[in-house]
Protein backbone atom coordinates (compact mmCIF):
# COMPACT_ATOMS: atom_id res chain seq x y z
CA MET A 1 -7.47 2.75 16.21
CA SER A 2 -8.15 -1.01 16.33
CA PRO A 3 -6.51 -3.39 13.87
CA VAL A 4 -8.19 -3.89 10.52
CA GLU A 5 -8.20 -7.63 11.01
CA GLU A 6 -7.52 -10.10 13.83
CA SER A 7 -6.58 -12.93 11.45
CA PRO A 8 -7.27 -13.91 7.83
CA GLU A 9 -9.75 -16.55 9.05
CA GLU A 10 -11.62 -14.07 11.24
CA PHE A 11 -11.72 -11.45 8.48
CA LEU A 12 -13.09 -13.96 5.95
CA ALA A 13 -15.78 -15.14 8.38
CA ARG A 14 -16.72 -11.57 9.25
CA PHE A 15 -17.29 -10.50 5.64
CA ALA A 16 -18.12 -13.90 4.05
CA ALA A 17 -21.47 -12.61 2.68
CA HIS A 18 -19.45 -10.49 0.18
CA ARG A 19 -17.49 -13.28 -1.48
CA VAL A 20 -17.58 -13.64 -5.23
CA GLU A 21 -17.15 -16.51 -7.70
CA VAL A 22 -13.79 -16.22 -9.54
CA ARG A 23 -11.30 -18.38 -11.41
CA LEU A 24 -7.80 -18.72 -9.86
CA TYR A 25 -4.77 -19.38 -11.99
CA PRO A 26 -1.53 -21.06 -10.84
CA GLU A 27 0.68 -18.77 -8.83
CA PRO A 28 4.30 -18.47 -9.83
CA TRP A 29 6.50 -20.55 -7.51
CA GLY A 30 7.01 -18.67 -4.23
CA SER A 31 4.81 -15.71 -5.18
CA PRO A 32 2.03 -14.55 -2.90
CA LEU A 33 0.23 -12.97 -5.88
CA LEU A 34 -2.57 -14.81 -7.68
CA GLU A 35 -3.92 -14.04 -11.11
CA VAL A 36 -7.68 -13.95 -10.75
CA GLN A 37 -10.39 -13.80 -13.37
CA THR A 38 -13.28 -11.75 -11.89
CA PRO A 39 -16.59 -10.39 -13.20
CA ALA A 40 -14.69 -7.10 -13.80
CA GLY A 41 -11.72 -8.71 -15.63
CA PHE A 42 -8.33 -9.98 -14.50
CA VAL A 43 -6.66 -8.74 -11.33
CA TYR A 44 -3.63 -9.63 -9.30
CA ALA A 45 -4.23 -10.06 -5.57
CA MET A 46 -2.18 -11.09 -2.59
CA ASP A 47 -3.26 -14.50 -1.41
CA ARG A 48 -4.17 -14.47 2.29
CA GLY A 49 -5.12 -18.16 2.39
CA ALA A 50 -3.05 -21.18 3.42
CA PRO A 51 -0.72 -22.50 0.71
CA PRO A 52 -0.98 -23.86 -1.81
CA ALA A 53 -3.60 -21.81 -3.61
CA PRO A 54 -6.21 -23.83 -5.45
CA VAL A 55 -6.52 -23.57 -9.22
CA GLY A 56 -9.95 -23.18 -10.80
CA GLU A 57 -13.29 -21.94 -9.55
CA ALA A 58 -13.38 -20.51 -6.00
CA ARG A 59 -15.44 -18.18 -3.81
CA VAL A 60 -13.20 -15.44 -2.48
CA LEU A 61 -13.36 -12.13 -0.66
CA PHE A 62 -11.44 -9.06 -1.92
CA HIS A 63 -10.17 -6.46 0.46
CA GLY A 64 -8.30 -3.23 0.06
CA LEU A 65 -7.08 -0.31 2.18
CA ALA A 66 -8.07 3.06 0.74
CA ARG A 67 -5.37 5.68 0.18
CA LYS A 68 -7.64 8.28 -1.39
CA VAL A 69 -11.43 8.59 -1.70
CA ALA A 70 -13.39 11.02 -3.87
CA ARG A 71 -16.77 11.31 -5.58
CA ALA A 72 -16.74 9.19 -8.77
CA GLN A 73 -15.68 11.12 -11.85
CA GLY A 74 -14.79 8.33 -14.23
CA LYS A 75 -16.21 5.21 -15.76
CA GLU A 76 -17.20 2.41 -13.37
CA GLY A 77 -14.59 -0.35 -13.05
CA ILE A 78 -11.31 -1.50 -11.61
CA PHE A 79 -8.13 -0.01 -13.07
CA ARG A 80 -4.48 -0.77 -12.42
CA GLU A 81 -2.25 2.16 -11.58
CA GLY A 82 1.24 0.70 -11.13
CA ALA A 83 1.08 -1.71 -8.24
CA ALA A 84 -2.21 -0.15 -6.99
CA TYR A 85 -5.84 -0.38 -8.15
CA ARG A 86 -8.37 2.40 -8.57
CA LEU A 87 -11.96 1.32 -8.03
CA VAL A 88 -14.93 3.35 -9.37
CA GLY A 89 -18.38 2.19 -8.36
CA THR A 90 -21.15 2.22 -5.79
CA ALA A 91 -20.21 2.19 -2.12
CA ARG A 92 -22.33 1.26 0.90
CA PRO A 93 -21.31 1.21 4.53
CA LEU A 94 -20.89 -2.17 6.24
CA GLU A 95 -19.67 -1.34 9.72
CA GLU A 96 -17.43 1.27 11.22
CA GLY A 97 -14.48 1.87 8.95
CA PHE A 98 -15.62 -0.62 6.27
CA TYR A 99 -17.50 -0.16 3.00
CA LEU A 100 -18.56 -2.50 0.23
CA LEU A 101 -17.60 -1.05 -3.12
CA LEU A 102 -19.13 -2.67 -6.16
CA ALA A 103 -17.00 -1.89 -9.21
CA ARG A 104 -18.39 -3.38 -12.44
CA GLY A 105 -19.70 -6.43 -10.73
CA LEU A 106 -16.70 -6.95 -8.42
CA PRO A 107 -17.45 -6.52 -4.68
CA VAL A 108 -14.46 -5.25 -2.67
CA VAL A 109 -14.50 -4.67 1.12
CA VAL A 110 -12.66 -1.38 1.54
CA HIS A 111 -11.30 -0.02 4.80
CA TRP A 112 -11.54 3.77 5.09
CA GLU A 113 -11.85 5.79 8.31
CA GLY A 114 -13.79 8.71 6.84
CA PRO A 115 -17.10 9.14 4.99
CA MET A 116 -17.32 7.66 1.51
CA PRO A 117 -19.65 9.01 -1.17
CA GLU A 118 -22.28 6.59 -2.58
CA GLU A 119 -20.71 6.88 -6.01
CA ALA A 120 -17.06 6.62 -5.11
CA GLU A 121 -13.61 6.60 -6.72
CA VAL A 122 -11.11 4.91 -4.47
CA LEU A 123 -7.36 4.52 -4.86
CA LEU A 124 -6.19 1.53 -2.89
CA TRP A 125 -2.81 1.01 -1.21
CA PRO A 126 -1.10 -2.01 -2.76
CA PRO A 127 -1.71 -4.87 -2.62
CA LEU A 128 -5.31 -5.80 -3.31
CA MET A 129 -5.89 -8.78 -0.94
CA LEU A 130 -7.76 -12.04 -1.53
CA PHE A 131 -9.17 -14.16 1.27
CA ARG A 132 -10.19 -17.77 0.67
CA GLU A 133 -10.83 -20.96 2.60
């Protein structure tokens, strides 16, 4: 199995077409987590960009590693489950091992080695990651 990413910069360049406009809020001192206002609501994501994180409007890429994948049973959206997120939405393959999951207007690049149903429910491993320039 090859690595999921070579570097944060390479990963962002590879999937740049799937960035989304969000609003970033100040990160607590020393925390790698950002509070992010997205089209699907507020999420917390691990900042993969160089410090310090900007505050305000930004185009970012969200990425998650799938722990479990199933056919969608619930309402479309993004839901916190402890430190993890559950995404419910429409998935489409991007390239081997990667899918774009659109959950209530929020595009997330998801890594999953197996097949993913078109209408998917995905439990991510924490943390949800955010790539920015």
